Amino acid sequence: MDQLSNKLTVFYDGACPVCVRDRRWYQKLEGKTDDRVEWLDITGRDDELRQQGIDPDKALRELHVRDAQGQVHQEMAAYILLLARVPVLKPLSWLIALPVIRPTLAWLYHRWVARRLASRT
């Protein structure tokens, strides 16, 4: 598989210190791989997001990842896809995908994001 076929685009909130820290953490664990991840800061890019079929408000509330085929994955599916690419994180992606774990983590994640966004105002 060539690099282009493995490419992911991660839409992240560059105005969120935790999101930026998580990006750096991922990049450190990812190291040098054949898989290419492009990180796109969504701050101030509402029109661009809409052109790609992504609701800007939803992009702030849920992780969005676009795969090489152009399909956009959201929320826990996006995390699973992203984490599965790094060998040390692959078990975590498997755990997140479990039927009991996935909805619980989604609920906790949405609560955390709501508090984070409320603290911006």
PDB file of N, CA and C in Angstrom:
ATOM      1  N   MET A   1       0.835  -1.187   0.000  1.00  0.00           N
ATOM      2  CA  MET A   1       0.000   0.000   0.000  1.00  0.00           C
ATOM      3  C   MET A   1       0.877   1.246   0.000  1.00  0.00           C
ATOM      4  N   ASP A   2       0.598   2.201  -0.858  1.00  0.00           N
ATOM      5  CA  ASP A   2       1.407   3.414  -0.847  1.00  0.00           C
ATOM      6  C   ASP A   2       0.879   4.405   0.165  1.00  0.00           C
ATOM      7  N   GLN A   3       1.672   5.451   0.397  1.00  0.00           N
ATOM      8  CA  GLN A   3       1.305   6.425   1.432  1.00  0.00           C
ATOM      9  C   GLN A   3      -0.024   7.096   1.171  1.00  0.00           C
ATOM     10  N   LEU A   4      -0.314   7.427  -0.067  1.00  0.00           N
ATOM     11  CA  LEU A   4      -1.550   8.131  -0.359  1.00  0.00           C
ATOM     12  C   LEU A   4      -2.762   7.307   0.039  1.00  0.00           C
ATOM     13  N   SER A   5      -2.706   5.997  -0.164  1.00  0.00           N
ATOM     14  CA  SER A   5      -3.861   5.165   0.151  1.00  0.00           C
ATOM     15  C   SER A   5      -4.083   5.033   1.658  1.00  0.00           C
ATOM     16  N   ASN A   6      -3.101   5.393   2.450  1.00  0.00           N
ATOM     17  CA  ASN A   6      -3.220   5.320   3.909  1.00  0.00           C
ATOM     18  C   ASN A   6      -3.549   6.664   4.557  1.00  0.00           C
ATOM     19  N   LYS A   7      -3.637   7.710   3.770  1.00  0.00           N
ATOM     20  CA  LYS A   7      -3.759   9.055   4.316  1.00  0.00           C
ATOM     21  C   LYS A   7      -5.074   9.269   5.065  1.00  0.00           C
ATOM     22  N   LEU A   8      -4.956   9.899   6.219  1.00  0.00           N
ATOM     23  CA  LEU A   8      -6.105  10.365   6.991  1.00  0.00           C
ATOM     24  C   LEU A   8      -5.972  11.862   7.175  1.00  0.00           C
ATOM     25  N   THR A   9      -7.090  12.550   7.187  1.00  0.00           N
ATOM     26  CA  THR A   9      -7.114  13.964   7.565  1.00  0.00           C
ATOM     27  C   THR A   9      -7.901  14.063   8.857  1.00  0.00           C
ATOM     28  N   VAL A  10      -7.272  14.616   9.880  1.00  0.00           N
ATOM     29  CA  VAL A  10      -7.900  14.783  11.183  1.00  0.00           C
ATOM     30  C   VAL A  10      -8.269  16.248  11.341  1.00  0.00           C
ATOM     31  N   PHE A  11      -9.536  16.513  11.568  1.00  0.00           N
ATOM     32  CA  PHE A  11     -10.029  17.866  11.790  1.00  0.00           C
ATOM     33  C   PHE A  11     -10.051  18.076  13.308  1.00  0.00           C
ATOM     34  N   TYR A  12      -9.216  19.000  13.774  1.00  0.00           N
ATOM     35  CA  TYR A  12      -9.118  19.194  15.222  1.00  0.00           C
ATOM     36  C   TYR A  12      -9.233  20.683  15.561  1.00  0.00           C
ATOM     37  N   ASP A  13      -9.577  20.938  16.816  1.00  0.00           N
ATOM     38  CA  ASP A  13      -9.763  22.302  17.315  1.00  0.00           C
ATOM     39  C   ASP A  13      -8.430  22.834  17.827  1.00  0.00           C
ATOM     40  N   GLY A  14      -7.759  23.627  16.996  1.00  0.00           N
ATOM     41  CA  GLY A  14      -6.459  24.187  17.361  1.00  0.00           C
ATOM     42  C   GLY A  14      -6.534  25.250  18.436  1.00  0.00           C
ATOM     43  N   ALA A  15      -7.754  25.707  18.770  1.00  0.00           N
ATOM     44  CA  ALA A  15      -7.925  26.682  19.846  1.00  0.00           C
ATOM     45  C   ALA A  15      -8.097  25.988  21.196  1.00  0.00           C
ATOM     46  N   CYS A  16      -8.084  24.674  21.187  1.00  0.00           N
ATOM     47  CA  CYS A  16      -8.266  23.878  22.406  1.00  0.00           C
ATOM     48  C   CYS A  16      -6.900  23.343  22.836  1.00  0.00           C
ATOM     49  N   PRO A  17      -6.380  23.812  23.975  1.00  0.00           N
ATOM     50  CA  PRO A  17      -5.071  23.351  24.429  1.00  0.00           C
ATOM     51  C   PRO A  17      -4.998  21.833  24.624  1.00  0.00           C
ATOM     52  N   VAL A  18      -6.059  21.226  25.113  1.00  0.00           N
ATOM     53  CA  VAL A  18      -6.067  19.780  25.307  1.00  0.00           C
ATOM     54  C   VAL A  18      -6.007  19.065  23.960  1.00  0.00           C
ATOM     55  N   CYS A  19      -6.729  19.587  22.979  1.00  0.00           N
ATOM     56  CA  CYS A  19      -6.727  18.987  21.638  1.00  0.00           C
ATOM     57  C   CYS A  19      -5.342  19.068  21.012  1.00  0.00           C
ATOM     58  N   VAL A  20      -4.681  20.196  21.177  1.00  0.00           N
ATOM     59  CA  VAL A  20      -3.323  20.374  20.646  1.00  0.00           C
ATOM     60  C   VAL A  20      -2.363  19.429  21.361  1.00  0.00           C
ATOM     61  N   ARG A  21      -2.503  19.311  22.664  1.00  0.00           N
ATOM     62  CA  ARG A  21      -1.654  18.399  23.435  1.00  0.00           C
ATOM     63  C   ARG A  21      -1.882  16.947  22.993  1.00  0.00           C
ATOM     64  N   ASP A  22      -3.149  16.569  22.774  1.00  0.00           N
ATOM     65  CA  ASP A  22      -3.461  15.216  22.318  1.00  0.00           C
ATOM     66  C   ASP A  22      -2.867  14.949  20.936  1.00  0.00           C
ATOM     67  N   ARG A  23      -2.887  15.960  20.074  1.00  0.00           N
ATOM     68  CA  ARG A  23      -2.292  15.816  18.745  1.00  0.00           C
ATOM     69  C   ARG A  23      -0.800  15.539  18.874  1.00  0.00           C
ATOM     70  N   ARG A  24      -0.115  16.304  19.683  1.00  0.00           N
ATOM     71  CA  ARG A  24       1.326  16.118  19.875  1.00  0.00           C
ATOM     72  C   ARG A  24       1.636  14.730  20.449  1.00  0.00           C
ATOM     73  N   TRP A  25       0.812  14.294  21.401  1.00  0.00           N
ATOM     74  CA  TRP A  25       0.966  12.977  22.014  1.00  0.00           C
ATOM     75  C   TRP A  25       0.829  11.898  20.947  1.00  0.00           C
ATOM     76  N   TYR A  26      -0.184  12.015  20.107  1.00  0.00           N
ATOM     77  CA  TYR A  26      -0.401  11.043  19.038  1.00  0.00           C
ATOM     78  C   TYR A  26       0.792  11.025  18.084  1.00  0.00           C
ATOM     79  N   GLN A  27       1.233  12.203  17.678  1.00  0.00           N
ATOM     80  CA  GLN A  27       2.347  12.279  16.733  1.00  0.00           C
ATOM     81  C   GLN A  27       3.617  11.655  17.307  1.00  0.00           C
ATOM     82  N   LYS A  28       3.847  11.825  18.596  1.00  0.00           N
ATOM     83  CA  LYS A  28       5.018  11.236  19.242  1.00  0.00           C
ATOM     84  C   LYS A  28       4.918   9.707  19.235  1.00  0.00           C
ATOM     85  N   LEU A  29       3.735   9.183  19.547  1.00  0.00           N
ATOM     86  CA  LEU A  29       3.549   7.736  19.562  1.00  0.00           C
ATOM     87  C   LEU A  29       3.553   7.146  18.155  1.00  0.00           C
ATOM     88  N   GLU A  30       3.056   7.917  17.217  1.00  0.00           N
ATOM     89  CA  GLU A  30       2.984   7.454  15.831  1.00  0.00           C
ATOM     90  C   GLU A  30       4.375   7.249  15.256  1.00  0.00           C
ATOM     91  N   GLY A  31       5.284   8.169  15.555  1.00  0.00           N
ATOM     92  CA  GLY A  31       6.638   8.058  15.038  1.00  0.00           C
ATOM     93  C   GLY A  31       6.660   8.108  13.524  1.00  0.00           C
ATOM     94  N   LYS A  32       7.601   7.426  12.960  1.00  0.00           N
ATOM     95  CA  LYS A  32       7.743   7.372  11.506  1.00  0.00           C
ATOM     96  C   LYS A  32       7.025   6.124  10.996  1.00  0.00           C
ATOM     97  N   THR A  33       5.923   6.317  10.326  1.00  0.00           N
ATOM     98  CA  THR A  33       5.192   5.195   9.750  1.00  0.00           C
ATOM     99  C   THR A  33       4.895   5.498   8.286  1.00  0.00           C
ATOM    100  N   ASP A  34       4.437   4.494   7.588  1.00  0.00           N
ATOM    101  CA  ASP A  34       4.028   4.687   6.203  1.00  0.00           C
ATOM    102  C   ASP A  34       2.669   5.382   6.127  1.00  0.00           C
ATOM    103  N   ASP A  35       1.935   5.335   7.222  1.00  0.00           N
ATOM    104  CA  ASP A  35       0.621   5.969   7.251  1.00  0.00           C
ATOM    105  C   ASP A  35       0.792   7.467   7.405  1.00  0.00           C
ATOM    106  N   ARG A  36       0.094   8.208   6.599  1.00  0.00           N
ATOM    107  CA  ARG A  36       0.202   9.662   6.636  1.00  0.00           C
ATOM    108  C   ARG A  36      -1.031  10.253   7.294  1.00  0.00           C
ATOM    109  N   VAL A  37      -0.821  11.120   8.271  1.00  0.00           N
ATOM    110  CA  VAL A  37      -1.915  11.819   8.931  1.00  0.00           C
ATOM    111  C   VAL A  37      -1.706  13.306   8.726  1.00  0.00           C
ATOM    112  N   GLU A  38      -2.703  13.943   8.161  1.00  0.00           N
ATOM    113  CA  GLU A  38      -2.696  15.391   7.990  1.00  0.00           C
ATOM    114  C   GLU A  38      -3.598  15.971   9.066  1.00  0.00           C
ATOM    115  N   TRP A  39      -3.087  16.938   9.795  1.00  0.00           N
ATOM    116  CA  TRP A  39      -3.845  17.577  10.867  1.00  0.00           C
ATOM    117  C   TRP A  39      -4.340  18.919  10.361  1.00  0.00           C
ATOM    118  N   LEU A  40      -5.636  19.126  10.392  1.00  0.00           N
ATOM    119  CA  LEU A  40      -6.231  20.355   9.887  1.00  0.00           C
ATOM    120  C   LEU A  40      -6.941  21.078  11.031  1.00  0.00           C
ATOM    121  N   ASP A  41      -6.390  22.218  11.412  1.00  0.00           N
ATOM    122  CA  ASP A  41      -6.993  23.050  12.459  1.00  0.00           C
ATOM    123  C   ASP A  41      -8.269  23.663  11.885  1.00  0.00           C
ATOM    124  N   ILE A  42      -9.401  23.399  12.527  1.00  0.00           N
ATOM    125  CA  ILE A  42     -10.694  23.871  12.019  1.00  0.00           C
ATOM    126  C   ILE A  42     -11.014  25.299  12.437  1.00  0.00           C
ATOM    127  N   THR A  43     -10.183  25.905  13.258  1.00  0.00           N
ATOM    128  CA  THR A  43     -10.433  27.254  13.751  1.00  0.00           C
ATOM    129  C   THR A  43     -10.546  28.229  12.581  1.00  0.00           C
ATOM    130  N   GLY A  44     -11.686  28.906  12.488  1.00  0.00           N
ATOM    131  CA  GLY A  44     -11.899  29.916  11.452  1.00  0.00           C
ATOM    132  C   GLY A  44     -12.109  29.351  10.056  1.00  0.00           C
ATOM    133  N   ARG A  45     -12.415  28.076   9.947  1.00  0.00           N
ATOM    134  CA  ARG A  45     -12.570  27.443   8.637  1.00  0.00           C
ATOM    135  C   ARG A  45     -13.989  26.925   8.410  1.00  0.00           C
ATOM    136  N   ASP A  46     -14.970  27.640   8.922  1.00  0.00           N
ATOM    137  CA  ASP A  46     -16.349  27.181   8.814  1.00  0.00           C
ATOM    138  C   ASP A  46     -16.779  26.956   7.371  1.00  0.00           C
ATOM    139  N   ASP A  47     -16.474  27.896   6.482  1.00  0.00           N
ATOM    140  CA  ASP A  47     -16.881  27.751   5.078  1.00  0.00           C
ATOM    141  C   ASP A  47     -16.213  26.540   4.432  1.00  0.00           C
ATOM    142  N   GLU A  48     -14.939  26.353   4.706  1.00  0.00           N
ATOM    143  CA  GLU A  48     -14.203  25.212   4.154  1.00  0.00           C
ATOM    144  C   GLU A  48     -14.803  23.892   4.651  1.00  0.00           C
ATOM    145  N   LEU A  49     -15.157  23.848   5.934  1.00  0.00           N
ATOM    146  CA  LEU A  49     -15.768  22.641   6.487  1.00  0.00           C
ATOM    147  C   LEU A  49     -17.111  22.357   5.809  1.00  0.00           C
ATOM    148  N   ARG A  50     -17.929  23.398   5.661  1.00  0.00           N
ATOM    149  CA  ARG A  50     -19.232  23.219   5.005  1.00  0.00           C
ATOM    150  C   ARG A  50     -19.065  22.696   3.583  1.00  0.00           C
ATOM    151  N   GLN A  51     -18.065  23.212   2.865  1.00  0.00           N
ATOM    152  CA  GLN A  51     -17.805  22.755   1.496  1.00  0.00           C
ATOM    153  C   GLN A  51     -17.454  21.272   1.459  1.00  0.00           C
ATOM    154  N   GLN A  52     -16.912  20.773   2.550  1.00  0.00           N
ATOM    155  CA  GLN A  52     -16.546  19.353   2.639  1.00  0.00           C
ATOM    156  C   GLN A  52     -17.652  18.516   3.277  1.00  0.00           C
ATOM    157  N   GLY A  53     -18.802  19.155   3.530  1.00  0.00           N
ATOM    158  CA  GLY A  53     -19.943  18.436   4.090  1.00  0.00           C
ATOM    159  C   GLY A  53     -19.874  18.215   5.583  1.00  0.00           C
ATOM    160  N   ILE A  54     -19.086  19.034   6.270  1.00  0.00           N
ATOM    161  CA  ILE A  54     -18.935  18.902   7.721  1.00  0.00           C
ATOM    162  C   ILE A  54     -19.545  20.120   8.393  1.00  0.00           C
ATOM    163  N   ASP A  55     -20.433  19.892   9.328  1.00  0.00           N
ATOM    164  CA  ASP A  55     -21.046  20.967  10.103  1.00  0.00           C
ATOM    165  C   ASP A  55     -19.998  21.515  11.070  1.00  0.00           C
ATOM    166  N   PRO A  56     -19.663  22.811  10.976  1.00  0.00           N
ATOM    167  CA  PRO A  56     -18.615  23.380  11.841  1.00  0.00           C
ATOM    168  C   PRO A  56     -18.885  23.215  13.335  1.00  0.00           C
ATOM    169  N   ASP A  57     -20.142  23.370  13.754  1.00  0.00           N
ATOM    170  CA  ASP A  57     -20.463  23.198  15.167  1.00  0.00           C
ATOM    171  C   ASP A  57     -20.244  21.746  15.595  1.00  0.00           C
ATOM    172  N   LYS A  58     -20.646  20.830  14.747  1.00  0.00           N
ATOM    173  CA  LYS A  58     -20.458  19.414  15.056  1.00  0.00           C
ATOM    174  C   LYS A  58     -18.971  19.055  15.070  1.00  0.00           C
ATOM    175  N   ALA A  59     -18.197  19.722  14.209  1.00  0.00           N
ATOM    176  CA  ALA A  59     -16.754  19.475  14.175  1.00  0.00           C
ATOM    177  C   ALA A  59     -16.084  19.892  15.486  1.00  0.00           C
ATOM    178  N   LEU A  60     -16.644  20.897  16.161  1.00  0.00           N
ATOM    179  CA  LEU A  60     -16.127  21.302  17.470  1.00  0.00           C
ATOM    180  C   LEU A  60     -16.511  20.306  18.558  1.00  0.00           C
ATOM    181  N   ARG A  61     -17.625  19.617  18.353  1.00  0.00           N
ATOM    182  CA  ARG A  61     -18.169  18.736  19.385  1.00  0.00           C
ATOM    183  C   ARG A  61     -17.775  17.270  19.225  1.00  0.00           C
ATOM    184  N   GLU A  62     -17.306  16.897  18.038  1.00  0.00           N
ATOM    185  CA  GLU A  62     -16.930  15.508  17.775  1.00  0.00           C
ATOM    186  C   GLU A  62     -15.703  15.483  16.874  1.00  0.00           C
ATOM    187  N   LEU A  63     -14.817  14.551  17.136  1.00  0.00           N
ATOM    188  CA  LEU A  63     -13.672  14.375  16.255  1.00  0.00           C
ATOM    189  C   LEU A  63     -14.172  13.908  14.895  1.00  0.00           C
ATOM    190  N   HIS A  64     -13.613  14.497  13.846  1.00  0.00           N
ATOM    191  CA  HIS A  64     -13.909  14.096  12.474  1.00  0.00           C
ATOM    192  C   HIS A  64     -12.596  13.696  11.806  1.00  0.00           C
ATOM    193  N   VAL A  65     -12.613  12.563  11.117  1.00  0.00           N
ATOM    194  CA  VAL A  65     -11.449  12.066  10.385  1.00  0.00           C
ATOM    195  C   VAL A  65     -11.922  11.654   8.994  1.00  0.00           C
ATOM    196  N   ARG A  66     -11.232  12.148   7.980  1.00  0.00           N
ATOM    197  CA  ARG A  66     -11.550  11.753   6.603  1.00  0.00           C
ATOM    198  C   ARG A  66     -10.496  10.755   6.140  1.00  0.00           C
ATOM    199  N   ASP A  67     -10.958   9.626   5.610  1.00  0.00           N
ATOM    200  CA  ASP A  67     -10.024   8.618   5.133  1.00  0.00           C
ATOM    201  C   ASP A  67      -9.621   8.899   3.686  1.00  0.00           C
ATOM    202  N   ALA A  68      -8.746   8.077   3.146  1.00  0.00           N
ATOM    203  CA  ALA A  68      -8.210   8.286   1.801  1.00  0.00           C
ATOM    204  C   ALA A  68      -9.277   8.188   0.721  1.00  0.00           C
ATOM    205  N   GLN A  69     -10.374   7.505   1.025  1.00  0.00           N
ATOM    206  CA  GLN A  69     -11.470   7.387   0.062  1.00  0.00           C
ATOM    207  C   GLN A  69     -12.453   8.559   0.155  1.00  0.00           C
ATOM    208  N   GLY A  70     -12.208   9.470   1.088  1.00  0.00           N
ATOM    209  CA  GLY A  70     -13.049  10.648   1.235  1.00  0.00           C
ATOM    210  C   GLY A  70     -14.196  10.488   2.216  1.00  0.00           C
ATOM    211  N   GLN A  71     -14.323   9.320   2.825  1.00  0.00           N
ATOM    212  CA  GLN A  71     -15.383   9.106   3.807  1.00  0.00           C
ATOM    213  C   GLN A  71     -15.007   9.777   5.125  1.00  0.00           C
ATOM    214  N   VAL A  72     -15.968  10.496   5.711  1.00  0.00           N
ATOM    215  CA  VAL A  72     -15.731  11.171   6.990  1.00  0.00           C
ATOM    216  C   VAL A  72     -16.286  10.302   8.114  1.00  0.00           C
ATOM    217  N   HIS A  73     -15.433  10.020   9.091  1.00  0.00           N
ATOM    218  CA  HIS A  73     -15.800   9.238  10.266  1.00  0.00           C
ATOM    219  C   HIS A  73     -15.896  10.218  11.433  1.00  0.00           C
ATOM    220  N   GLN A  74     -16.868   9.999  12.302  1.00  0.00           N
ATOM    221  CA  GLN A  74     -17.102  10.927  13.412  1.00  0.00           C
ATOM    222  C   GLN A  74     -17.055  10.207  14.748  1.00  0.00           C
ATOM    223  N   GLU A  75     -16.862  11.011  15.771  1.00  0.00           N
ATOM    224  CA  GLU A  75     -16.934  10.593  17.155  1.00  0.00           C
ATOM    225  C   GLU A  75     -16.041   9.391  17.435  1.00  0.00           C
ATOM    226  N   MET A  76     -16.564   8.343  18.056  1.00  0.00           N
ATOM    227  CA  MET A  76     -15.752   7.197  18.453  1.00  0.00           C
ATOM    228  C   MET A  76     -15.212   6.443  17.236  1.00  0.00           C
ATOM    229  N   ALA A  77     -15.961   6.402  16.133  1.00  0.00           N
ATOM    230  CA  ALA A  77     -15.462   5.740  14.918  1.00  0.00           C
ATOM    231  C   ALA A  77     -14.193   6.426  14.419  1.00  0.00           C
ATOM    232  N   ALA A  78     -14.135   7.742  14.562  1.00  0.00           N
ATOM    233  CA  ALA A  78     -12.939   8.493  14.156  1.00  0.00           C
ATOM    234  C   ALA A  78     -11.762   8.156  15.070  1.00  0.00           C
ATOM    235  N   TYR A  79     -12.013   8.085  16.363  1.00  0.00           N
ATOM    236  CA  TYR A  79     -10.945   7.723  17.303  1.00  0.00           C
ATOM    237  C   TYR A  79     -10.437   6.311  17.037  1.00  0.00           C
ATOM    238  N   ILE A  80     -11.352   5.385  16.801  1.00  0.00           N
ATOM    239  CA  ILE A  80     -10.970   3.996  16.543  1.00  0.00           C
ATOM    240  C   ILE A  80     -10.073   3.921  15.307  1.00  0.00           C
ATOM    241  N   LEU A  81     -10.469   4.596  14.248  1.00  0.00           N
ATOM    242  CA  LEU A  81      -9.695   4.612  13.011  1.00  0.00           C
ATOM    243  C   LEU A  81      -8.299   5.200  13.236  1.00  0.00           C
ATOM    244  N   LEU A  82      -8.235   6.298  13.950  1.00  0.00           N
ATOM    245  CA  LEU A  82      -6.967   6.980  14.196  1.00  0.00           C
ATOM    246  C   LEU A  82      -6.049   6.155  15.105  1.00  0.00           C
ATOM    247  N   LEU A  83      -6.585   5.643  16.191  1.00  0.00           N
ATOM    248  CA  LEU A  83      -5.768   4.898  17.154  1.00  0.00           C
ATOM    249  C   LEU A  83      -5.288   3.562  16.588  1.00  0.00           C
ATOM    250  N   ALA A  84      -6.084   2.942  15.732  1.00  0.00           N
ATOM    251  CA  ALA A  84      -5.727   1.632  15.181  1.00  0.00           C
ATOM    252  C   ALA A  84      -4.492   1.692  14.291  1.00  0.00           C
ATOM    253  N   ARG A  85      -4.103   2.859  13.864  1.00  0.00           N
ATOM    254  CA  ARG A  85      -2.948   3.012  12.966  1.00  0.00           C
ATOM    255  C   ARG A  85      -1.609   2.950  13.686  1.00  0.00           C
ATOM    256  N   VAL A  86      -1.620   3.114  14.992  1.00  0.00           N
ATOM    257  CA  VAL A  86      -0.383   3.133  15.775  1.00  0.00           C
ATOM    258  C   VAL A  86      -0.317   1.838  16.596  1.00  0.00           C
ATOM    259  N   PRO A  87       0.707   1.024  16.374  1.00  0.00           N
ATOM    260  CA  PRO A  87       0.759  -0.279  17.045  1.00  0.00           C
ATOM    261  C   PRO A  87       0.524  -0.230  18.556  1.00  0.00           C
ATOM    262  N   VAL A  88       1.128   0.714  19.243  1.00  0.00           N
ATOM    263  CA  VAL A  88       0.965   0.769  20.694  1.00  0.00           C
ATOM    264  C   VAL A  88      -0.455   1.183  21.106  1.00  0.00           C
ATOM    265  N   LEU A  89      -1.190   1.842  20.210  1.00  0.00           N
ATOM    266  CA  LEU A  89      -2.551   2.291  20.511  1.00  0.00           C
ATOM    267  C   LEU A  89      -3.632   1.353  19.967  1.00  0.00           C
ATOM    268  N   LYS A  90      -3.216   0.377  19.167  1.00  0.00           N
ATOM    269  CA  LYS A  90      -4.179  -0.542  18.557  1.00  0.00           C
ATOM    270  C   LYS A  90      -5.058  -1.252  19.593  1.00  0.00           C
ATOM    271  N   PRO A  91      -4.496  -1.738  20.721  1.00  0.00           N
ATOM    272  CA  PRO A  91      -5.370  -2.360  21.730  1.00  0.00           C
ATOM    273  C   PRO A  91      -6.421  -1.388  22.286  1.00  0.00           C
ATOM    274  N   LEU A  92      -6.050  -0.128  22.406  1.00  0.00           N
ATOM    275  CA  LEU A  92      -7.004   0.880  22.880  1.00  0.00           C
ATOM    276  C   LEU A  92      -8.136   1.060  21.876  1.00  0.00           C
ATOM    277  N   SER A  93      -7.814   1.038  20.591  1.00  0.00           N
ATOM    278  CA  SER A  93      -8.860   1.164  19.577  1.00  0.00           C
ATOM    279  C   SER A  93      -9.819  -0.020  19.650  1.00  0.00           C
ATOM    280  N   TRP A  94      -9.287  -1.188  19.899  1.00  0.00           N
ATOM    281  CA  TRP A  94     -10.118  -2.386  20.042  1.00  0.00           C
ATOM    282  C   TRP A  94     -11.034  -2.252  21.263  1.00  0.00           C
ATOM    283  N   LEU A  95     -10.472  -1.775  22.382  1.00  0.00           N
ATOM    284  CA  LEU A  95     -11.246  -1.600  23.611  1.00  0.00           C
ATOM    285  C   LEU A  95     -12.373  -0.583  23.414  1.00  0.00           C
ATOM    286  N   ILE A  96     -12.054   0.528  22.780  1.00  0.00           N
ATOM    287  CA  ILE A  96     -13.058   1.573  22.525  1.00  0.00           C
ATOM    288  C   ILE A  96     -14.207   1.036  21.679  1.00  0.00           C
ATOM    289  N   ALA A  97     -13.923   0.099  20.797  1.00  0.00           N
ATOM    290  CA  ALA A  97     -14.943  -0.431  19.884  1.00  0.00           C
ATOM    291  C   ALA A  97     -15.908  -1.405  20.547  1.00  0.00           C
ATOM    292  N   LEU A  98     -15.603  -1.861  21.746  1.00  0.00           N
ATOM    293  CA  LEU A  98     -16.491  -2.821  22.417  1.00  0.00           C
ATOM    294  C   LEU A  98     -17.877  -2.213  22.646  1.00  0.00           C
ATOM    295  N   PRO A  99     -18.924  -3.016  22.460  1.00  0.00           N
ATOM    296  CA  PRO A  99     -20.300  -2.506  22.543  1.00  0.00           C
ATOM    297  C   PRO A  99     -20.668  -1.799  23.847  1.00  0.00           C
ATOM    298  N   VAL A 100     -20.134  -2.206  24.958  1.00  0.00           N
ATOM    299  CA  VAL A 100     -20.455  -1.546  26.229  1.00  0.00           C
ATOM    300  C   VAL A 100     -19.600  -0.296  26.434  1.00  0.00           C
ATOM    301  N   ILE A 101     -18.361  -0.365  26.008  1.00  0.00           N
ATOM    302  CA  ILE A 101     -17.404   0.721  26.221  1.00  0.00           C
ATOM    303  C   ILE A 101     -17.700   1.908  25.305  1.00  0.00           C
ATOM    304  N   ARG A 102     -17.960   1.641  24.042  1.00  0.00           N
ATOM    305  CA  ARG A 102     -18.120   2.706  23.045  1.00  0.00           C
ATOM    306  C   ARG A 102     -19.201   3.737  23.422  1.00  0.00           C
ATOM    307  N   PRO A 103     -20.427   3.314  23.749  1.00  0.00           N
ATOM    308  CA  PRO A 103     -21.440   4.331  24.094  1.00  0.00           C
ATOM    309  C   PRO A 103     -21.126   5.065  25.395  1.00  0.00           C
ATOM    310  N   THR A 104     -20.496   4.383  26.321  1.00  0.00           N
ATOM    311  CA  THR A 104     -20.137   5.031  27.588  1.00  0.00           C
ATOM    312  C   THR A 104     -19.081   6.103  27.350  1.00  0.00           C
ATOM    313  N   LEU A 105     -18.063   5.766  26.575  1.00  0.00           N
ATOM    314  CA  LEU A 105     -17.024   6.753  26.261  1.00  0.00           C
ATOM    315  C   LEU A 105     -17.597   7.914  25.447  1.00  0.00           C
ATOM    316  N   ALA A 106     -18.512   7.627  24.536  1.00  0.00           N
ATOM    317  CA  ALA A 106     -19.144   8.694  23.738  1.00  0.00           C
ATOM    318  C   ALA A 106     -19.890   9.653  24.660  1.00  0.00           C
ATOM    319  N   TRP A 107     -20.606   9.114  25.610  1.00  0.00           N
ATOM    320  CA  TRP A 107     -21.355   9.942  26.561  1.00  0.00           C
ATOM    321  C   TRP A 107     -20.403  10.806  27.384  1.00  0.00           C
ATOM    322  N   LEU A 108     -19.350  10.203  27.911  1.00  0.00           N
ATOM    323  CA  LEU A 108     -18.364  10.953  28.702  1.00  0.00           C
ATOM    324  C   LEU A 108     -17.670  12.017  27.848  1.00  0.00           C
ATOM    325  N   TYR A 109     -17.333  11.664  26.637  1.00  0.00           N
ATOM    326  CA  TYR A 109     -16.666  12.593  25.728  1.00  0.00           C
ATOM    327  C   TYR A 109     -17.557  13.807  25.443  1.00  0.00           C
ATOM    328  N   HIS A 110     -18.827  13.565  25.162  1.00  0.00           N
ATOM    329  CA  HIS A 110     -19.741  14.675  24.883  1.00  0.00           C
ATOM    330  C   HIS A 110     -19.902  15.594  26.094  1.00  0.00           C
ATOM    331  N   ARG A 111     -19.944  15.027  27.273  1.00  0.00           N
ATOM    332  CA  ARG A 111     -20.023  15.849  28.488  1.00  0.00           C
ATOM    333  C   ARG A 111     -18.778  16.708  28.640  1.00  0.00           C
ATOM    334  N   TRP A 112     -17.594  16.115  28.407  1.00  0.00           N
ATOM    335  CA  TRP A 112     -16.346  16.855  28.525  1.00  0.00           C
ATOM    336  C   TRP A 112     -16.297  17.986  27.506  1.00  0.00           C
ATOM    337  N   VAL A 113     -16.672  17.717  26.267  1.00  0.00           N
ATOM    338  CA  VAL A 113     -16.638  18.721  25.214  1.00  0.00           C
ATOM    339  C   VAL A 113     -17.613  19.856  25.538  1.00  0.00           C
ATOM    340  N   ALA A 114     -18.799  19.512  26.003  1.00  0.00           N
ATOM    341  CA  ALA A 114     -19.787  20.558  26.352  1.00  0.00           C
ATOM    342  C   ALA A 114     -19.230  21.490  27.422  1.00  0.00           C
ATOM    343  N   ARG A 115     -18.578  20.913  28.436  1.00  0.00           N
ATOM    344  CA  ARG A 115     -17.964  21.753  29.484  1.00  0.00           C
ATOM    345  C   ARG A 115     -16.826  22.593  28.929  1.00  0.00           C
ATOM    346  N   ARG A 116     -16.016  22.009  28.065  1.00  0.00           N
ATOM    347  CA  ARG A 116     -14.886  22.736  27.465  1.00  0.00           C
ATOM    348  C   ARG A 116     -15.388  23.914  26.643  1.00  0.00           C
ATOM    349  N   LEU A 117     -16.402  23.682  25.839  1.00  0.00           N
ATOM    350  CA  LEU A 117     -16.926  24.760  24.999  1.00  0.00           C
ATOM    351  C   LEU A 117     -17.652  25.822  25.829  1.00  0.00           C
ATOM    352  N   ALA A 118     -18.322  25.402  26.892  1.00  0.00           N
ATOM    353  CA  ALA A 118     -19.005  26.361  27.776  1.00  0.00           C
ATOM    354  C   ALA A 118     -17.998  27.265  28.478  1.00  0.00           C
ATOM    355  N   SER A 119     -16.816  26.743  28.774  1.00  0.00           N
ATOM    356  CA  SER A 119     -15.808  27.550  29.468  1.00  0.00           C
ATOM    357  C   SER A 119     -15.171  28.602  28.551  1.00  0.00           C
ATOM    358  N   ARG A 120     -15.359  28.461  27.224  1.00  0.00           N
ATOM    359  CA  ARG A 120     -14.834  29.445  26.280  1.00  0.00           C
ATOM    360  C   ARG A 120     -15.649  30.723  26.273  1.00  0.00           C
ATOM    361  N   THR A 121     -16.895  30.607  26.634  1.00  0.00           N
ATOM    362  CA  THR A 121     -17.785  31.783  26.557  1.00  0.00           C
ATOM    363  C   THR A 121     -17.749  32.621  27.787  1.00  0.00           C
TER     364      THR A 121
END
